[in-house]
């Protein structure tokens, strides 16, 4: 963890908080609140309250992400999105989650958010952004492309939602001209990112 001046009112340092959050996942505990109470009661009575821990861990998320993501030169990358629903669509009128919106995807309507991500061909998550569900995939794709040069200017393979002339996407059924860059093996490669999303859906963080 980056060096930090510990405040007088902080009972634990950042590294301890992150280590406890990681242990929650390694021990496959589904609820961070229960895990935090267990650790504080049995091992670390000096830990702060659950509320303070949640606030500090959320502030540390950018640091954690930067430590977990290794920027490397890529020849190709895969781009796609998957939904983060916060409630069922019929309950959306009563939902009070900030920035959550109603959108549509391959699985139908969703109220909440979407995660847009780059994956390598061998199934490694390269980078991601989370956006409101109504935002078009192509806009989020532009945000990810902001780091295009840092990743070695890879060729980006996506579905038709990311069709903009720069990405490699399958031709539309009514297309008059076919993109000469598209190859059939790209369609098989795209399935790799769907496997990555399946893994992510079972390993979400709970803090």
Protein backbone atom coordinates (compact mmCIF):
# COMPACT_ATOMS: atom_id res chain seq x y z
CA UNK A 1 0.00 0.00 0.00
CA UNK A 2 1.21 3.57 -0.66
CA UNK A 3 2.71 5.32 2.39
CA UNK A 4 0.24 7.36 4.39
CA UNK A 5 0.33 9.45 7.57
CA UNK A 6 -1.91 7.66 10.04
CA UNK A 7 -4.51 9.92 11.61
CA UNK A 8 -4.80 9.99 15.40
CA UNK A 9 -8.43 8.84 15.27
CA UNK A 10 -7.72 5.82 13.02
CA UNK A 11 -7.52 2.52 14.88
CA UNK A 12 -6.15 0.49 11.94
CA UNK A 13 -4.04 1.29 8.89
CA UNK A 14 -5.11 0.92 5.28
CA UNK A 15 -3.17 -2.30 4.73
CA UNK A 16 -5.01 -4.01 7.60
CA UNK A 17 -8.41 -3.01 6.22
CA UNK A 18 -7.60 -4.28 2.74
CA UNK A 19 -6.12 -7.53 4.12
CA UNK A 20 -9.32 -8.25 6.07
CA UNK A 21 -11.44 -7.57 2.97
CA UNK A 22 -9.28 -9.96 0.92
CA UNK A 23 -9.52 -12.64 3.62
CA UNK A 24 -13.30 -12.40 3.41
CA UNK A 25 -13.12 -13.50 -0.23
CA UNK A 26 -10.52 -16.21 0.34
CA UNK A 27 -12.70 -17.71 3.10
CA UNK A 28 -15.80 -17.36 0.87
CA UNK A 29 -17.79 -15.35 3.39
CA UNK A 30 -20.76 -13.73 1.59
CA UNK A 31 -21.45 -10.80 3.96
CA UNK A 32 -18.77 -8.29 4.84
CA UNK A 33 -20.68 -7.03 7.91
CA UNK A 34 -20.71 -10.52 9.48
CA UNK A 35 -17.08 -11.09 8.57
CA UNK A 36 -16.02 -7.76 10.07
CA UNK A 37 -17.87 -8.46 13.34
CA UNK A 38 -16.27 -11.94 13.54
CA UNK A 39 -12.72 -10.58 13.04
CA UNK A 40 -13.22 -7.71 15.48
CA UNK A 41 -14.74 -9.91 18.19
CA UNK A 42 -12.24 -12.76 18.00
CA UNK A 43 -8.94 -11.36 16.72
CA UNK A 44 -8.70 -7.57 16.34
CA UNK A 45 -10.72 -5.65 18.95
CA UNK A 46 -8.90 -2.44 18.00
CA UNK A 47 -10.61 -2.29 14.60
CA UNK A 48 -12.90 0.67 13.83
CA UNK A 49 -16.66 0.39 13.42
CA UNK A 50 -18.17 -1.27 10.35
CA UNK A 51 -19.38 2.11 9.06
CA UNK A 52 -15.89 3.62 9.24
CA UNK A 53 -14.40 0.54 7.59
CA UNK A 54 -16.85 0.73 4.69
CA UNK A 55 -16.16 4.45 4.16
CA UNK A 56 -12.40 3.96 4.15
CA UNK A 57 -12.49 0.89 1.90
CA UNK A 58 -14.60 2.75 -0.66
CA UNK A 59 -12.06 5.57 -0.63
CA UNK A 60 -9.31 3.00 -1.18
CA UNK A 61 -10.98 1.38 -4.21
CA UNK A 62 -9.01 3.45 -6.79
CA UNK A 63 -5.76 2.48 -5.05
CA UNK A 64 -6.76 -1.20 -4.91
CA UNK A 65 -7.73 -1.17 -8.59
CA UNK A 66 -4.44 0.43 -9.60
CA UNK A 67 -2.51 -2.25 -7.68
CA UNK A 68 -4.55 -5.09 -9.17
CA UNK A 69 -4.48 -3.97 -12.80
CA UNK A 70 -1.22 -4.54 -14.65
CA UNK A 71 -0.96 -2.51 -17.84
CA UNK A 72 0.64 -4.53 -20.60
CA UNK A 73 1.03 -4.25 -24.35
CA UNK A 74 -1.78 -6.09 -26.13
CA UNK A 75 -2.20 -7.02 -29.78
CA UNK A 76 -5.91 -7.72 -29.34
CA UNK A 77 -8.48 -7.12 -26.63
CA UNK A 78 -12.16 -8.07 -26.26
CA UNK A 79 -14.82 -5.58 -25.21
CA UNK A 80 -18.31 -6.28 -23.90
CA UNK A 81 -20.70 -5.42 -21.06
CA UNK A 82 -22.82 -7.18 -18.49
CA UNK A 83 -25.62 -5.82 -16.26
CA UNK A 84 -25.48 -4.84 -12.58
CA UNK A 85 -29.19 -4.74 -11.61
CA UNK A 86 -30.06 -3.14 -8.27
CA UNK A 87 -33.71 -4.25 -8.29
CA UNK A 88 -36.33 -5.71 -10.59
CA UNK A 89 -37.63 -3.37 -13.27
CA UNK A 90 -41.16 -3.29 -11.84
CA UNK A 91 -39.76 -1.92 -8.56
CA UNK A 92 -37.63 0.77 -10.23
CA UNK A 93 -40.08 3.57 -9.31
CA UNK A 94 -39.42 2.91 -5.61
CA UNK A 95 -35.67 2.35 -5.93
CA UNK A 96 -33.49 5.14 -4.48
CA UNK A 97 -30.01 4.05 -5.61
CA UNK A 98 -28.20 7.12 -6.93
CA UNK A 99 -27.40 7.16 -10.68
CA UNK A 100 -29.21 3.87 -11.31
CA UNK A 101 -31.23 3.95 -14.55
CA UNK A 102 -33.28 1.66 -16.75
CA UNK A 103 -31.53 0.21 -19.75
CA UNK A 104 -31.57 -2.74 -22.09
CA UNK A 105 -29.16 -5.53 -22.93
CA UNK A 106 -29.08 -8.95 -24.48
CA UNK A 107 -30.92 -10.33 -21.44
CA UNK A 108 -33.71 -7.74 -21.64
CA UNK A 109 -34.40 -4.67 -19.53
CA UNK A 110 -32.33 -3.95 -16.44
CA UNK A 111 -32.55 -1.26 -13.76
CA UNK A 112 -29.18 -0.36 -12.33
CA UNK A 113 -25.78 -0.24 -14.01
CA UNK A 114 -23.62 -1.92 -16.63
CA UNK A 115 -20.00 -2.98 -16.37
CA UNK A 116 -18.02 -2.45 -19.59
CA UNK A 117 -14.69 -4.22 -19.73
CA UNK A 118 -11.65 -5.15 -21.78
CA UNK A 119 -10.42 -8.73 -21.62
CA UNK A 120 -7.29 -10.30 -23.06
CA UNK A 121 -7.54 -13.28 -25.38
CA UNK A 122 -6.40 -15.59 -22.57
CA UNK A 123 -9.24 -14.46 -20.28
CA UNK A 124 -7.53 -11.82 -18.14
CA UNK A 125 -9.49 -8.70 -17.23
CA UNK A 126 -7.53 -5.68 -18.48
CA UNK A 127 -9.73 -2.72 -17.41
CA UNK A 128 -13.35 -1.80 -16.80
CA UNK A 129 -15.77 1.05 -16.13
CA UNK A 130 -19.23 1.00 -14.51
CA UNK A 131 -21.88 3.22 -16.07
CA UNK A 132 -25.67 3.75 -15.70
CA UNK A 133 -27.66 1.06 -17.49
CA UNK A 134 -29.18 3.48 -20.04
CA UNK A 135 -25.81 4.67 -21.36
CA UNK A 136 -25.00 3.32 -24.81
CA UNK A 137 -22.23 0.73 -24.94
CA UNK A 138 -20.32 2.76 -27.48
CA UNK A 139 -19.97 5.75 -25.12
CA UNK A 140 -18.50 3.55 -22.41
CA UNK A 141 -16.27 2.03 -25.06
CA UNK A 142 -14.84 5.48 -25.78
CA UNK A 143 -14.02 5.88 -22.07
CA UNK A 144 -12.10 2.61 -22.09
CA UNK A 145 -10.27 3.67 -25.25
CA UNK A 146 -8.80 6.61 -23.35
CA UNK A 147 -6.05 4.18 -22.24
CA UNK A 148 -5.68 2.69 -25.72
CA UNK A 149 -2.08 3.87 -26.24
CA UNK A 150 -0.98 2.73 -22.74
CA UNK A 151 -2.12 -0.80 -23.62
CA UNK A 152 -0.09 -0.83 -26.83
CA UNK A 153 -2.87 0.34 -29.18
CA UNK A 154 -4.53 -3.10 -29.47
CA UNK A 155 -7.15 -4.11 -32.03
CA UNK A 156 -10.50 -4.11 -30.19
CA UNK A 157 -12.95 -6.95 -30.91
CA UNK A 158 -16.57 -6.30 -29.90
CA UNK A 159 -20.17 -6.99 -30.83
CA UNK A 160 -22.43 -4.79 -32.95
CA UNK A 161 -23.12 -2.44 -30.01
CA UNK A 162 -19.53 -1.17 -30.35
CA UNK A 163 -19.72 -0.56 -34.10
CA UNK A 164 -18.01 2.77 -34.84
CA UNK A 165 -15.58 2.03 -37.66
CA UNK A 166 -12.60 1.69 -35.33
CA UNK A 167 -13.50 -1.49 -33.45
CA UNK A 168 -13.59 -4.91 -35.09
CA UNK A 169 -17.25 -5.95 -35.07
CA UNK A 170 -19.30 -8.50 -37.01
CA UNK A 171 -21.18 -7.08 -40.01
CA UNK A 172 -24.87 -6.30 -39.68
CA UNK A 173 -27.28 -8.52 -41.57
CA UNK A 174 -28.42 -5.65 -43.79
CA UNK A 175 -24.90 -4.23 -44.32
CA UNK A 176 -24.24 -3.32 -47.95
CA UNK A 177 -20.49 -3.60 -47.52
CA UNK A 178 -18.53 -5.95 -45.29
CA UNK A 179 -15.63 -4.76 -43.12
CA UNK A 180 -12.61 -6.48 -44.74
CA UNK A 181 -10.85 -6.55 -41.35
CA UNK A 182 -13.41 -8.90 -39.78
CA UNK A 183 -12.47 -12.57 -39.62
CA UNK A 184 -14.66 -15.47 -38.54
CA UNK A 185 -12.18 -16.53 -35.85
CA UNK A 186 -12.84 -13.22 -34.08
CA UNK A 187 -16.38 -14.43 -33.35
CA UNK A 188 -14.99 -17.45 -31.50
CA UNK A 189 -12.48 -15.28 -29.63
CA UNK A 190 -15.28 -13.04 -28.34
CA UNK A 191 -16.69 -15.91 -26.30
CA UNK A 192 -13.69 -15.65 -23.99
CA UNK A 193 -14.92 -12.41 -22.39
CA UNK A 194 -18.28 -14.03 -21.64
CA UNK A 195 -16.38 -16.62 -19.61
CA UNK A 196 -14.63 -13.80 -17.74
CA UNK A 197 -18.00 -12.24 -16.90
CA UNK A 198 -19.29 -15.59 -15.62
CA UNK A 199 -16.36 -15.75 -13.20
CA UNK A 200 -16.85 -12.15 -12.08
CA UNK A 201 -20.53 -12.72 -11.32
CA UNK A 202 -19.55 -15.28 -8.67
CA UNK A 203 -16.69 -13.30 -7.10
CA UNK A 204 -18.12 -9.82 -6.47
CA UNK A 205 -16.76 -7.82 -3.55
CA UNK A 206 -19.23 -7.16 -0.75
CA UNK A 207 -17.78 -4.08 0.93
